Amino acid sequence: MFITETPAHSDGASLSLPTGFEKGQVYTPSFLAAWSANLLAEYLGPQWDGCILDPACGDGELLHAAKNHLPNAHLIGADIDAEACSSARKRLGNRSSIKTGDMLLSTFLPHAIDGRRIGAVISNPPWGADLLHSADQLRTLGYSLATGQFDSWSLFVEMSMQALHEGGYAVFILPDAIFSPEHAPTRRLLAQHYSIKLIARLGEGIFRGVYRGTTVLLVRKEQPKSAQRVEVFRLSKSKRDAVLSGNCSLQEIRTEERHYISQQRFLTDKECRWDIDVRETEKNILDKIEVLGGGWTDLFVSGRGVELSKRGLVRICRNCDHALPAPTRPREVTCRGCGHVDNSEAMLQQSIVQVTDTKQAGFMPLIVGEDIGRYVLSCSRQIKMNVPGINYKCIEAYSQERLLIRKTGVGLKATVTKRQAATNQVVFHYVPKNHQHRFLLYYTLGILSSRIMFAYHLRKSGENEWRSHPYVTPKSLKELPIPIPSPGSQIWRQAEVIAEKVKVHLQNGGKCKALDLEIEGLIAGMYRLDHSDLRWVKEVICSAQDLEPMRALSDFDSHAIGSEIIL
């Protein structure tokens, strides 16, 4: 429950913000605002005359669209930007109430709505905005989502659903990050306590110049029934291009592409994944893959490399010559060596990474994300060692036989190496806990590199097209259903044979297609998949956007793979 006794920051026309405060403003394009308002009108009816709130209204684009679709509604807006609020007031006229203030303070909203009940919310909350309150302060204010890794938009969702009257509807325009592992708490909050009516995954490019995917949610404030079904659809790249060029509308694509899934399915998933690409007809094959369980990461000690980009840019303290990774944008930093505080732009910049495969004195070979392919590894860089202030992580791991997985990029890219080399932050490494079971490295590599696991990953994650910053996380990798073999079991014997074949395949640089398909057959046998299941694997890969990982794995005949079981 939100506390209602903390005074609001502002009731007037301005709010004092810290220097460099990032507002996270992403103004809504008119066509998306109109479609969002139309969704509300579809459920409320065009004659609805209640109060509709936009808690981050900016210049009023969403409320203006709501006014066109719900002409009898009373419009209520709030924003932290006084200039934007002034524009919204002029635009919306006297059937609106626009306030400037800190919307995340719970007392602000009741003051802004003058005692009126909020029957609808329409919101494109700030993405990645700076916050005026610490996580502890936000939790004291009642935000249950202010734990771990959270974002400004998730807090706005929680606050808006609290402000919404029982039975009311809310439309949210959110970043695609809502599907990522770190935002499971937001997904669970919505799926457990509210009735989700629609999830539309629109992809990247909806907002001009913003390289993040967009998702639209329609939610009703009511406890979901066990039989609640959610309307879902995804905008493919070709359809998105057609929408952006004006050749068709979001409503037309919605009618063509939508299907329905059970909301209960989200809650039965331990990470509350919104796997909206999985149709009910595909559940059987996914169950086959998942039934053997997972938890494969429990077999390994894992970590990732030095927290540097592949360019190796660092800033040097003017007081003590300690280095720190160069921030992505100018900010004040504190030197860990002497405690001196300085602006990062005022510090000397250097690179401690050289693009060369020639060993340099005082340097170690460095593996970065782009060096890792499917069964392939290169190493074209060297990193300077013993630079004070740089955390090189676990040096011992850099000389052990280990599984390497690339964090960034579409799909799953992994290999195994014995090479003594450091890695950077976008490379995860896995070393077996039991050194007598090193074959598990090669077995796991085989599963991760298989078409079967690739298709599973595409369906469950929805990462089936290019985007600016695709990545996997340790959490999403852990969720992959790679069976843990028990010594002496049939799965153990199957895993040993897979590992033997993968070792040979790795030595050949993964270039032998016949061996590649033989490994695929062994993995199909482990999951008890038949030819119809393998046809599904091919269809999933082929239906994804035509990118390099898809092209490399889609060129196979499902009938050429024999599902082999080792007894």
Protein backbone atom coordinates (compact mmCIF):
# COMPACT_ATOMS: atom_id res chain seq x y z
CA MET A 1 0.00 0.00 0.00
CA PHE A 2 1.36 3.43 -0.89
CA ILE A 3 2.09 5.92 1.87
CA THR A 4 0.05 9.11 1.50
CA GLU A 5 1.66 11.41 4.05
CA THR A 6 4.85 12.45 2.26
CA PRO A 7 4.54 16.01 0.89
CA ALA A 8 4.70 16.39 -2.87
CA HIS A 9 7.68 18.21 -4.36
CA SER A 10 5.61 20.64 -6.39
CA ASP A 11 2.12 21.96 -6.91
CA GLY A 12 3.20 24.84 -9.10
CA ALA A 13 4.67 25.44 -12.49
CA SER A 14 8.20 24.25 -11.88
CA LEU A 15 10.28 21.68 -10.06
CA SER A 16 13.96 22.05 -9.23
CA LEU A 17 15.90 19.17 -10.76
CA PRO A 18 19.58 18.23 -10.27
CA THR A 19 22.06 19.33 -12.95
CA GLY A 20 22.23 16.75 -15.75
CA PHE A 21 19.03 15.05 -14.59
CA GLU A 22 17.96 12.47 -17.21
CA LYS A 23 14.17 12.71 -17.66
CA GLY A 24 13.87 9.61 -19.86
CA GLN A 25 11.47 11.41 -22.20
CA VAL A 26 10.49 9.51 -25.33
CA TYR A 27 7.63 11.40 -26.98
CA THR A 28 4.91 9.21 -28.46
CA PRO A 29 4.35 9.27 -32.25
CA SER A 30 0.82 10.28 -33.21
CA PHE A 31 -0.14 6.97 -34.85
CA LEU A 32 0.84 5.01 -31.71
CA ALA A 33 -0.98 7.48 -29.44
CA ALA A 34 -4.12 7.18 -31.57
CA TRP A 35 -4.03 3.36 -31.53
CA SER A 36 -3.47 3.30 -27.76
CA ALA A 37 -6.44 5.61 -27.22
CA ASN A 38 -8.54 3.49 -29.57
CA LEU A 39 -7.78 0.42 -27.43
CA LEU A 40 -9.20 2.19 -24.39
CA ALA A 41 -12.28 3.36 -26.31
CA GLU A 42 -12.84 -0.22 -27.51
CA TYR A 43 -13.16 -1.42 -23.91
CA LEU A 44 -14.72 1.67 -22.29
CA GLY A 45 -17.09 2.67 -25.07
CA PRO A 46 -16.88 6.00 -26.97
CA GLN A 47 -19.42 7.73 -24.66
CA TRP A 48 -17.43 7.03 -21.49
CA ASP A 49 -17.20 10.18 -19.35
CA GLY A 50 -14.83 9.28 -16.52
CA CYS A 51 -11.35 10.52 -15.65
CA ILE A 52 -8.36 9.40 -17.68
CA LEU A 53 -4.85 9.91 -16.31
CA ASP A 54 -1.47 10.21 -18.01
CA PRO A 55 1.08 10.33 -15.15
CA ALA A 56 3.93 11.33 -17.48
CA CYS A 57 1.99 13.39 -19.99
CA GLY A 58 4.80 15.39 -21.60
CA ASP A 59 3.26 17.74 -24.16
CA GLY A 60 -0.08 15.90 -24.01
CA GLU A 61 0.10 13.70 -27.12
CA LEU A 62 -1.57 10.69 -25.47
CA LEU A 63 -4.24 12.74 -23.72
CA HIS A 64 -4.95 14.55 -26.99
CA ALA A 65 -5.50 11.18 -28.67
CA ALA A 66 -7.73 10.13 -25.76
CA LYS A 67 -9.74 13.33 -26.19
CA ASN A 68 -10.39 12.42 -29.84
CA HIS A 69 -11.53 8.86 -29.05
CA LEU A 70 -13.24 9.56 -25.71
CA PRO A 71 -14.59 13.12 -26.15
CA ASN A 72 -16.58 13.09 -22.89
CA ALA A 73 -13.64 12.06 -20.69
CA HIS A 74 -12.00 14.42 -18.21
CA LEU A 75 -8.27 14.56 -18.92
CA ILE A 76 -5.72 14.54 -16.11
CA GLY A 77 -1.99 14.85 -16.68
CA ALA A 78 1.16 15.19 -14.64
CA ASP A 79 4.80 15.60 -15.55
CA ILE A 80 8.10 16.58 -14.01
CA ASP A 81 8.87 18.92 -16.95
CA ALA A 82 7.23 22.33 -16.40
CA GLU A 83 7.69 23.43 -20.03
CA ALA A 84 6.02 20.25 -21.34
CA CYS A 85 3.13 20.75 -18.90
CA SER A 86 2.61 24.28 -20.20
CA SER A 87 2.40 22.94 -23.76
CA ALA A 88 -0.08 20.28 -22.67
CA ARG A 89 -2.35 22.84 -20.97
CA LYS A 90 -2.51 24.99 -24.10
CA ARG A 91 -3.13 21.96 -26.28
CA LEU A 92 -5.83 20.25 -24.22
CA GLY A 93 -8.00 23.15 -23.09
CA ASN A 94 -10.33 23.46 -20.12
CA ARG A 95 -11.49 19.84 -19.96
CA SER A 96 -8.05 18.98 -18.65
CA SER A 97 -6.12 19.29 -15.40
CA ILE A 98 -2.34 19.33 -15.82
CA LYS A 99 0.02 19.50 -12.84
CA THR A 100 3.79 19.79 -12.61
CA GLY A 101 5.44 17.63 -9.99
CA ASP A 102 7.13 14.42 -8.93
CA MET A 103 4.60 11.81 -9.98
CA LEU A 104 6.29 9.03 -8.03
CA LEU A 105 5.31 10.69 -4.76
CA SER A 106 2.06 8.99 -3.83
CA THR A 107 0.48 12.18 -2.45
CA PHE A 108 0.88 13.94 -5.75
CA LEU A 109 -1.75 11.96 -7.66
CA PRO A 110 -4.68 12.38 -5.25
CA HIS A 111 -3.91 16.13 -5.22
CA ALA A 112 -3.74 16.23 -9.03
CA ILE A 113 -7.10 14.54 -9.61
CA ASP A 114 -9.05 16.72 -7.16
CA GLY A 115 -10.80 13.79 -5.57
CA ARG A 116 -12.02 12.29 -8.85
CA ARG A 117 -11.71 8.55 -9.37
CA ILE A 118 -9.35 7.47 -12.12
CA GLY A 119 -11.20 5.12 -14.45
CA ALA A 120 -8.50 4.84 -17.11
CA VAL A 121 -4.77 5.34 -17.56
CA ILE A 122 -2.91 6.00 -20.79
CA SER A 123 0.83 6.24 -20.36
CA ASN A 124 4.19 6.19 -22.06
CA PRO A 125 6.21 6.41 -18.82
CA PRO A 126 9.84 7.59 -18.83
CA TRP A 127 12.34 4.96 -19.94
CA GLY A 128 15.64 4.89 -18.08
CA ALA A 129 15.04 8.16 -16.24
CA ASP A 130 17.04 9.32 -13.26
CA LEU A 131 15.12 9.18 -9.98
CA LEU A 132 14.88 11.77 -7.23
CA HIS A 133 14.69 9.10 -4.53
CA SER A 134 16.89 6.20 -3.47
CA ALA A 135 15.66 2.60 -3.64
CA ASP A 136 15.18 2.61 0.13
CA GLN A 137 13.09 5.79 -0.04
CA LEU A 138 11.01 4.35 -2.90
CA ARG A 139 10.32 1.17 -0.93
CA THR A 140 9.27 3.31 2.04
CA LEU A 141 6.87 5.09 -0.31
CA GLY A 142 5.35 1.71 -1.16
CA TYR A 143 7.07 0.66 -4.39
CA SER A 144 7.50 -3.11 -4.20
CA LEU A 145 9.40 -3.07 -7.53
CA ALA A 146 12.18 -0.83 -6.19
CA THR A 147 14.48 -3.79 -5.58
CA GLY A 148 17.33 -5.32 -7.56
CA GLN A 149 17.55 -4.00 -11.10
CA PHE A 150 14.55 -1.79 -11.79
CA ASP A 151 13.69 1.07 -14.11
CA SER A 152 11.64 4.26 -13.89
CA TRP A 153 8.96 2.85 -16.20
CA SER A 154 8.27 -0.13 -13.93
CA LEU A 155 7.67 2.22 -10.99
CA PHE A 156 5.24 4.24 -13.09
CA VAL A 157 3.34 1.05 -13.95
CA GLU A 158 3.06 0.13 -10.27
CA MET A 159 1.99 3.64 -9.27
CA SER A 160 -0.55 3.91 -12.11
CA MET A 161 -2.23 0.62 -11.23
CA GLN A 162 -2.49 1.81 -7.63
CA ALA A 163 -4.10 5.08 -8.75
CA LEU A 164 -6.53 3.31 -11.09
CA HIS A 165 -10.02 2.62 -9.73
CA GLU A 166 -11.15 -1.01 -9.47
CA GLY A 167 -12.43 -2.22 -12.83
CA GLY A 168 -10.60 0.52 -14.74
CA TYR A 169 -8.34 0.01 -17.77
CA ALA A 170 -4.76 1.05 -18.41
CA VAL A 171 -2.73 1.20 -21.63
CA PHE A 172 1.04 1.32 -21.21
CA ILE A 173 3.68 1.93 -23.88
CA LEU A 174 6.83 0.27 -22.55
CA PRO A 175 10.31 -0.75 -23.68
CA ASP A 176 10.84 -4.35 -24.78
CA ALA A 177 12.93 -4.74 -21.63
CA ILE A 178 9.75 -5.90 -19.91
CA PHE A 179 10.47 -9.33 -21.45
CA SER A 180 14.00 -9.53 -20.00
CA PRO A 181 14.88 -11.66 -16.95
CA GLU A 182 15.59 -8.68 -14.67
CA HIS A 183 12.01 -7.44 -15.07
CA ALA A 184 10.33 -10.68 -13.96
CA PRO A 185 8.99 -8.88 -10.82
CA THR A 186 7.06 -6.40 -13.00
CA ARG A 187 5.63 -9.18 -15.16
CA ARG A 188 4.66 -11.17 -12.08
CA LEU A 189 3.00 -8.18 -10.41
CA LEU A 190 0.82 -7.63 -13.48
CA ALA A 191 0.06 -11.30 -14.14
CA GLN A 192 -0.81 -12.10 -10.51
CA HIS A 193 -2.99 -9.14 -9.65
CA TYR A 194 -4.48 -7.78 -12.86
CA SER A 195 -6.28 -9.02 -15.92
CA ILE A 196 -4.00 -8.62 -18.95
CA LYS A 197 -6.13 -8.03 -22.02
CA LEU A 198 -3.49 -7.44 -24.70
CA ILE A 199 0.27 -7.65 -25.23
CA ALA A 200 1.57 -6.23 -28.52
CA ARG A 201 5.28 -6.55 -29.20
CA LEU A 202 5.97 -3.91 -31.85
CA GLY A 203 9.76 -4.12 -32.11
CA GLU A 204 12.38 -1.49 -32.79
CA GLY A 205 11.93 1.67 -34.87
CA ILE A 206 8.52 2.77 -33.60
CA PHE A 207 10.16 5.80 -31.96
CA ARG A 208 12.36 7.69 -34.38
CA GLY A 209 15.98 7.71 -33.20
CA VAL A 210 15.31 5.43 -30.21
CA TYR A 211 17.01 2.07 -30.63
CA ARG A 212 14.87 0.04 -28.27
CA GLY A 213 11.90 -2.19 -28.95
CA THR A 214 8.39 -1.11 -27.99
CA THR A 215 5.61 -3.06 -26.29
CA VAL A 216 1.99 -2.02 -25.68
CA LEU A 217 -0.02 -3.49 -22.79
CA LEU A 218 -3.73 -3.22 -22.08
CA VAL A 219 -4.53 -4.17 -18.48
CA ARG A 220 -7.71 -4.14 -16.38
CA LYS A 221 -7.63 -3.58 -12.64
CA GLU A 222 -9.31 -6.78 -11.50
CA GLN A 223 -8.09 -10.09 -10.14
CA PRO A 224 -7.53 -12.37 -13.15
CA LYS A 225 -9.75 -15.40 -13.50
CA SER A 226 -8.13 -18.80 -13.99
CA ALA A 227 -9.52 -18.95 -17.54
CA GLN A 228 -8.28 -15.46 -18.50
CA ARG A 229 -6.90 -15.44 -22.03
CA VAL A 230 -4.59 -12.73 -23.34
CA GLU A 231 -4.72 -11.36 -26.87
CA VAL A 232 -1.15 -11.22 -28.19
CA PHE A 233 0.58 -10.37 -31.43
CA ARG A 234 4.00 -9.42 -32.73
CA LEU A 235 4.85 -6.91 -35.43
CA SER A 236 7.35 -8.46 -37.85
CA LYS A 237 9.92 -6.20 -39.50
CA SER A 238 8.12 -6.19 -42.84
CA LYS A 239 4.79 -5.35 -41.19
CA ARG A 240 6.46 -2.69 -39.05
CA ASP A 241 7.94 -1.07 -42.15
CA ALA A 242 4.46 -1.08 -43.70
CA VAL A 243 2.98 0.61 -40.62
CA LEU A 244 5.73 3.23 -40.45
CA SER A 245 5.35 4.03 -44.14
CA GLY A 246 1.58 4.42 -43.73
CA ASN A 247 0.65 1.45 -45.95
CA CYS A 248 -1.29 -0.28 -43.18
CA SER A 249 -2.36 0.33 -39.59
CA LEU A 250 -1.57 -1.32 -36.28
CA GLN A 251 -5.25 -2.23 -36.00
CA GLU A 252 -5.11 -4.09 -39.33
CA ILE A 253 -1.99 -6.02 -38.28
CA ARG A 254 -3.59 -6.80 -34.94
CA THR A 255 -6.61 -8.35 -36.67
CA GLU A 256 -4.39 -10.43 -38.98
CA GLU A 257 -1.74 -11.63 -36.52
CA ARG A 258 -3.36 -11.97 -33.10
CA HIS A 259 -3.76 -15.19 -31.20
CA TYR A 260 -4.74 -15.96 -27.62
CA ILE A 261 -2.86 -17.58 -24.75
CA SER A 262 -3.67 -18.37 -21.15
CA GLN A 263 -2.56 -15.77 -18.59
CA GLN A 264 -2.18 -18.66 -16.15
CA ARG A 265 0.69 -19.92 -18.32
CA PHE A 266 2.75 -16.91 -17.30
CA LEU A 267 2.28 -17.73 -13.63
CA THR A 268 3.19 -21.40 -13.98
CA ASP A 269 6.58 -20.36 -15.40
CA LYS A 270 8.98 -19.84 -12.49
CA GLU A 271 10.41 -16.70 -14.13
CA CYS A 272 6.94 -15.56 -15.25
CA ARG A 273 8.13 -15.35 -18.85
CA TRP A 274 5.67 -13.79 -21.26
CA ASP A 275 6.34 -16.25 -24.07
CA ILE A 276 3.81 -14.68 -26.40
CA ASP A 277 5.30 -16.29 -29.53
CA VAL A 278 4.43 -19.78 -28.26
CA ARG A 279 1.05 -20.83 -29.59
CA GLU A 280 -1.06 -23.39 -27.77
CA THR A 281 -0.40 -25.87 -30.60
CA GLU A 282 3.35 -25.73 -29.82
CA LYS A 283 3.06 -26.59 -26.15
CA ASN A 284 3.60 -30.34 -26.66
CA ILE A 285 7.02 -30.02 -28.27
CA LEU A 286 8.17 -27.40 -25.77
CA ASP A 287 7.03 -29.68 -22.96
CA LYS A 288 9.15 -32.46 -24.46
CA ILE A 289 12.21 -30.22 -24.35
CA GLU A 290 11.47 -28.91 -20.87
CA VAL A 291 10.45 -32.16 -19.19
CA LEU A 292 14.05 -33.26 -18.58
CA GLY A 293 14.57 -30.13 -16.51
CA GLY A 294 17.50 -27.81 -16.35
CA GLY A 295 19.72 -26.22 -13.73
CA TRP A 296 22.79 -27.05 -15.81
CA THR A 297 24.69 -24.04 -14.47
CA ASP A 298 24.85 -25.78 -11.07
CA LEU A 299 27.54 -28.02 -12.59
CA PHE A 300 29.85 -25.07 -13.20
CA VAL A 301 31.60 -22.16 -11.58
CA SER A 302 30.76 -19.17 -13.74
CA GLY A 303 31.79 -15.58 -14.18
CA ARG A 304 32.62 -13.00 -16.78
CA GLY A 305 35.71 -11.09 -17.75
CA VAL A 306 37.17 -7.68 -17.04
CA GLU A 307 34.63 -4.85 -17.08
CA LEU A 308 35.94 -3.13 -20.18
CA SER A 309 34.69 -2.61 -23.69
CA LYS A 310 36.61 -4.20 -26.54
CA ARG A 311 38.33 -0.85 -27.09
CA GLY A 312 39.69 -0.93 -23.52
CA LEU A 313 39.10 2.76 -22.83
CA VAL A 314 39.96 3.90 -19.31
CA ARG A 315 40.17 7.23 -17.46
CA ILE A 316 43.26 7.97 -15.35
CA CYS A 317 43.08 9.70 -11.95
CA ARG A 318 45.15 12.91 -11.92
CA ASN A 319 46.00 12.35 -8.26
CA CYS A 320 47.29 8.77 -8.12
CA ASP A 321 47.29 7.39 -11.71
CA HIS A 322 44.71 4.72 -10.89
CA ALA A 323 42.51 3.79 -13.84
CA LEU A 324 38.79 3.13 -14.09
CA PRO A 325 36.67 1.99 -17.05
CA ALA A 326 35.64 5.03 -19.08
CA PRO A 327 31.96 5.90 -18.43
CA THR A 328 29.65 5.85 -21.42
CA ARG A 329 28.63 9.46 -20.71
CA PRO A 330 30.30 12.29 -18.76
CA ARG A 331 29.75 12.08 -15.00
CA GLU A 332 31.46 12.59 -11.67
CA VAL A 333 33.51 9.58 -10.61
CA THR A 334 35.34 8.64 -7.43
CA CYS A 335 38.82 7.13 -7.73
CA ARG A 336 39.07 3.82 -5.90
CA GLY A 337 42.76 4.41 -5.33
CA CYS A 338 42.74 7.74 -3.49
CA GLY A 339 39.08 8.76 -3.23
CA HIS A 340 39.53 11.85 -5.39
CA VAL A 341 36.30 12.98 -7.08
CA ASP A 342 36.57 14.33 -10.62
CA ASN A 343 34.52 14.77 -13.77
CA SER A 344 35.31 11.89 -16.11
CA GLU A 345 35.79 14.27 -19.05
CA ALA A 346 38.54 16.11 -17.15
CA MET A 347 40.57 12.92 -16.68
CA LEU A 348 43.16 11.57 -19.07
CA GLN A 349 41.79 8.89 -21.42
CA GLN A 350 43.83 5.90 -22.53
CA SER A 351 43.24 2.51 -24.14
CA ILE A 352 44.78 -0.55 -22.49
CA VAL A 353 43.73 -2.88 -25.32
CA GLN A 354 45.69 -3.31 -28.57
CA VAL A 355 44.22 -4.84 -31.73
CA THR A 356 46.93 -7.39 -32.48
CA ASP A 357 47.42 -11.13 -32.17
CA THR A 358 51.15 -10.69 -31.51
CA LYS A 359 52.14 -11.26 -27.89
CA GLN A 360 53.35 -8.08 -26.24
CA ALA A 361 55.44 -7.85 -23.06
CA GLY A 362 53.17 -7.09 -20.10
CA PHE A 363 50.05 -7.96 -22.11
CA MET A 364 47.73 -10.99 -22.20
CA PRO A 365 45.62 -12.19 -25.17
CA LEU A 366 42.05 -10.86 -24.87
CA ILE A 367 38.90 -12.60 -26.15
CA VAL A 368 35.95 -10.27 -26.82
CA GLY A 369 32.40 -11.08 -27.86
CA GLU A 370 32.94 -10.90 -31.62
CA ASP A 371 35.74 -13.49 -31.31
CA ILE A 372 33.23 -16.21 -30.38
CA GLY A 373 31.18 -18.02 -32.99
CA ARG A 374 29.42 -21.37 -33.11
CA TYR A 375 32.28 -23.84 -32.36
CA VAL A 376 34.71 -21.09 -33.41
CA LEU A 377 37.18 -18.91 -31.49
CA SER A 378 39.59 -16.21 -32.59
CA CYS A 379 41.64 -13.78 -30.54
CA SER A 380 42.74 -10.55 -32.16
CA ARG A 381 43.48 -8.35 -29.13
CA GLN A 382 45.88 -7.99 -26.22
CA ILE A 383 45.13 -6.36 -22.87
CA LYS A 384 47.72 -4.60 -20.70
CA MET A 385 48.03 -6.29 -17.32
CA ASN A 386 48.66 -4.89 -13.83
CA VAL A 387 47.09 -1.52 -14.51
CA PRO A 388 46.23 -0.14 -11.04
CA GLY A 389 42.48 0.24 -10.51
CA ILE A 390 41.41 -2.33 -13.12
CA ASN A 391 39.66 -5.44 -11.83
CA TYR A 392 40.93 -8.28 -14.01
CA LYS A 393 38.58 -10.72 -12.25
CA CYS A 394 39.66 -14.33 -11.74
CA ILE A 395 43.02 -14.66 -13.51
CA GLU A 396 43.10 -18.40 -12.74
CA ALA A 397 39.97 -18.96 -14.84
CA TYR A 398 41.71 -17.49 -17.89
CA SER A 399 44.08 -20.46 -18.07
CA GLN A 400 41.56 -23.27 -17.48
CA GLU A 401 39.60 -25.33 -19.98
CA ARG A 402 36.26 -23.56 -20.07
CA LEU A 403 33.03 -22.97 -21.91
CA LEU A 404 32.72 -19.45 -23.34
CA ILE A 405 29.35 -17.91 -24.22
CA ARG A 406 28.93 -14.59 -25.94
CA LYS A 407 26.57 -12.21 -24.15
CA THR A 408 25.74 -9.93 -27.08
CA GLY A 409 24.24 -10.79 -30.45
CA VAL A 410 21.27 -12.72 -31.79
CA GLY A 411 21.01 -16.36 -30.72
CA LEU A 412 23.48 -18.50 -28.79
CA LYS A 413 27.20 -18.34 -29.64
CA ALA A 414 29.50 -20.62 -27.64
CA THR A 415 32.74 -22.58 -27.79
CA VAL A 416 35.20 -24.40 -25.52
CA THR A 417 38.85 -23.39 -25.19
CA LYS A 418 42.02 -24.25 -23.29
CA ARG A 419 43.72 -21.08 -24.48
CA GLN A 420 45.29 -18.84 -21.87
CA ALA A 421 43.53 -15.57 -22.52
CA ALA A 422 41.53 -12.97 -20.64
CA THR A 423 37.96 -12.16 -21.62
CA ASN A 424 36.02 -8.93 -21.36
CA GLN A 425 32.60 -8.19 -19.87
CA VAL A 426 30.51 -9.54 -22.76
CA VAL A 427 31.93 -13.07 -22.46
CA PHE A 428 30.64 -15.50 -19.83
CA HIS A 429 32.88 -18.39 -18.79
CA TYR A 430 31.90 -21.72 -17.20
CA VAL A 431 34.40 -24.05 -15.54
CA PRO A 432 33.27 -27.52 -14.30
CA LYS A 433 33.07 -27.89 -10.52
CA ASN A 434 34.17 -31.52 -10.85
CA HIS A 435 37.33 -31.58 -12.97
CA GLN A 436 36.90 -35.33 -13.57
CA HIS A 437 33.77 -34.56 -15.58
CA ARG A 438 35.28 -32.24 -18.17
CA PHE A 439 33.20 -33.95 -20.86
CA LEU A 440 30.29 -31.86 -19.51
CA LEU A 441 31.89 -28.82 -21.17
CA TYR A 442 31.57 -30.41 -24.60
CA TYR A 443 28.16 -31.92 -23.90
CA THR A 444 26.81 -28.52 -22.84
CA LEU A 445 28.41 -26.84 -25.85
CA GLY A 446 26.69 -29.34 -28.12
CA ILE A 447 23.26 -28.60 -26.64
CA LEU A 448 23.79 -24.82 -26.69
CA SER A 449 24.92 -24.97 -30.33
CA SER A 450 22.09 -27.22 -31.50
CA ARG A 451 19.26 -26.15 -33.75
CA ILE A 452 16.85 -27.61 -31.22
CA MET A 453 18.00 -25.29 -28.43
CA PHE A 454 18.21 -22.37 -30.85
CA ALA A 455 14.57 -22.86 -31.87
CA TYR A 456 13.55 -23.20 -28.23
CA HIS A 457 15.41 -20.00 -27.35
CA LEU A 458 13.83 -18.10 -30.25
CA ARG A 459 10.31 -19.12 -29.22
CA LYS A 460 10.65 -18.57 -25.49
CA SER A 461 12.66 -15.34 -25.62
CA GLY A 462 11.03 -13.85 -28.71
CA GLU A 463 14.45 -12.67 -29.90
CA ASN A 464 13.81 -13.59 -33.52
CA GLU A 465 14.84 -10.41 -35.32
CA TRP A 466 17.66 -7.88 -35.37
CA ARG A 467 17.72 -5.23 -32.68
CA SER A 468 20.36 -2.77 -31.58
CA HIS A 469 21.37 -4.43 -28.32
CA PRO A 470 20.46 -8.14 -28.30
CA TYR A 471 21.96 -10.13 -25.44
CA VAL A 472 21.61 -13.13 -23.18
CA THR A 473 22.16 -13.04 -19.42
CA PRO A 474 23.36 -15.63 -16.90
CA LYS A 475 19.75 -15.86 -15.75
CA SER A 476 18.33 -16.49 -19.22
CA LEU A 477 21.09 -19.04 -19.91
CA LYS A 478 20.30 -20.85 -16.66
CA GLU A 479 16.67 -21.16 -17.76
CA LEU A 480 17.61 -23.17 -20.86
CA PRO A 481 16.44 -26.77 -20.31
CA ILE A 482 19.78 -28.57 -20.63
CA PRO A 483 19.44 -31.85 -18.67
CA ILE A 484 21.87 -32.61 -15.85
CA PRO A 485 23.19 -36.16 -16.44
CA SER A 486 23.32 -38.52 -13.45
CA PRO A 487 26.33 -40.91 -13.46
CA GLY A 488 25.38 -44.27 -14.94
CA SER A 489 22.03 -43.08 -16.33
CA GLN A 490 20.91 -43.25 -19.94
CA ILE A 491 21.20 -39.44 -20.18
CA TRP A 492 24.78 -39.72 -18.90
CA ARG A 493 25.68 -42.19 -21.64
CA GLN A 494 23.94 -40.00 -24.22
CA ALA A 495 25.85 -36.97 -22.92
CA GLU A 496 29.21 -38.78 -23.16
CA VAL A 497 28.62 -39.68 -26.81
CA ILE A 498 27.48 -36.12 -27.60
CA ALA A 499 30.64 -34.79 -25.93
CA GLU A 500 32.91 -37.12 -27.96
CA LYS A 501 31.35 -35.97 -31.24
CA VAL A 502 31.48 -32.31 -30.21
CA LYS A 503 35.21 -32.58 -29.40
CA VAL A 504 35.92 -33.80 -32.92
CA HIS A 505 33.60 -31.18 -34.41
CA LEU A 506 35.36 -28.44 -32.44
CA GLN A 507 38.77 -29.59 -33.69
CA ASN A 508 37.45 -29.25 -37.24
CA GLY A 509 36.19 -25.72 -36.59
CA GLY A 510 32.56 -26.88 -36.78
CA LYS A 511 32.81 -27.19 -40.56
CA CYS A 512 31.66 -30.80 -41.10
CA LYS A 513 27.92 -30.65 -41.80
CA ALA A 514 27.48 -34.42 -41.62
CA LEU A 515 28.97 -34.51 -38.11
CA ASP A 516 26.94 -31.45 -37.16
CA LEU A 517 23.71 -33.25 -38.12
CA GLU A 518 24.87 -36.41 -36.36
CA ILE A 519 25.25 -34.42 -33.13
CA GLU A 520 21.81 -32.91 -33.76
CA GLY A 521 20.37 -36.43 -34.03
CA LEU A 522 21.89 -37.43 -30.69
CA ILE A 523 20.39 -34.34 -29.06
CA ALA A 524 17.02 -35.06 -30.69
CA GLY A 525 17.24 -38.58 -29.26
CA MET A 526 17.95 -37.24 -25.78
CA TYR A 527 14.82 -35.08 -25.91
CA ARG A 528 12.84 -37.88 -27.64
CA LEU A 529 11.99 -35.67 -30.62
CA ASP A 530 10.67 -37.16 -33.85
CA HIS A 531 10.66 -35.93 -37.46
CA SER A 532 7.57 -33.78 -36.97
CA ASP A 533 9.28 -32.07 -34.02
CA LEU A 534 12.38 -31.45 -36.13
CA ARG A 535 10.19 -29.95 -38.87
CA TRP A 536 8.94 -27.52 -36.22
CA VAL A 537 12.57 -26.68 -35.35
CA LYS A 538 13.28 -25.83 -38.99
CA GLU A 539 10.06 -23.81 -39.33
CA VAL A 540 10.86 -21.72 -36.25
CA ILE A 541 14.38 -20.92 -37.48
CA CYS A 542 13.20 -20.18 -41.03
CA SER A 543 10.37 -17.93 -39.81
CA ALA A 544 12.81 -15.67 -37.96
CA GLN A 545 14.34 -12.66 -39.67
CA ASP A 546 16.94 -13.53 -42.30
CA LEU A 547 20.07 -12.95 -40.21
CA GLU A 548 23.40 -14.78 -40.18
CA PRO A 549 22.62 -17.13 -37.23
CA MET A 550 19.30 -18.13 -38.80
CA ARG A 551 20.84 -18.70 -42.25
CA ALA A 552 23.63 -20.82 -40.79
CA LEU A 553 21.26 -23.17 -38.98
CA SER A 554 18.20 -23.24 -41.23
CA ASP A 555 19.88 -25.04 -44.13
CA PHE A 556 19.08 -28.65 -43.23
CA ASP A 557 16.58 -31.35 -44.10
CA SER A 558 14.71 -32.48 -41.00
CA HIS A 559 14.45 -35.99 -42.53
CA ALA A 560 18.25 -36.11 -42.78
CA ILE A 561 18.49 -36.10 -38.98
CA GLY A 562 17.99 -39.43 -37.28
CA SER A 563 16.83 -39.25 -33.68
CA GLU A 564 19.43 -41.50 -32.03
CA ILE A 565 19.13 -42.92 -28.51
CA ILE A 566 22.18 -44.45 -26.79
CA LEU A 567 21.06 -47.38 -24.65
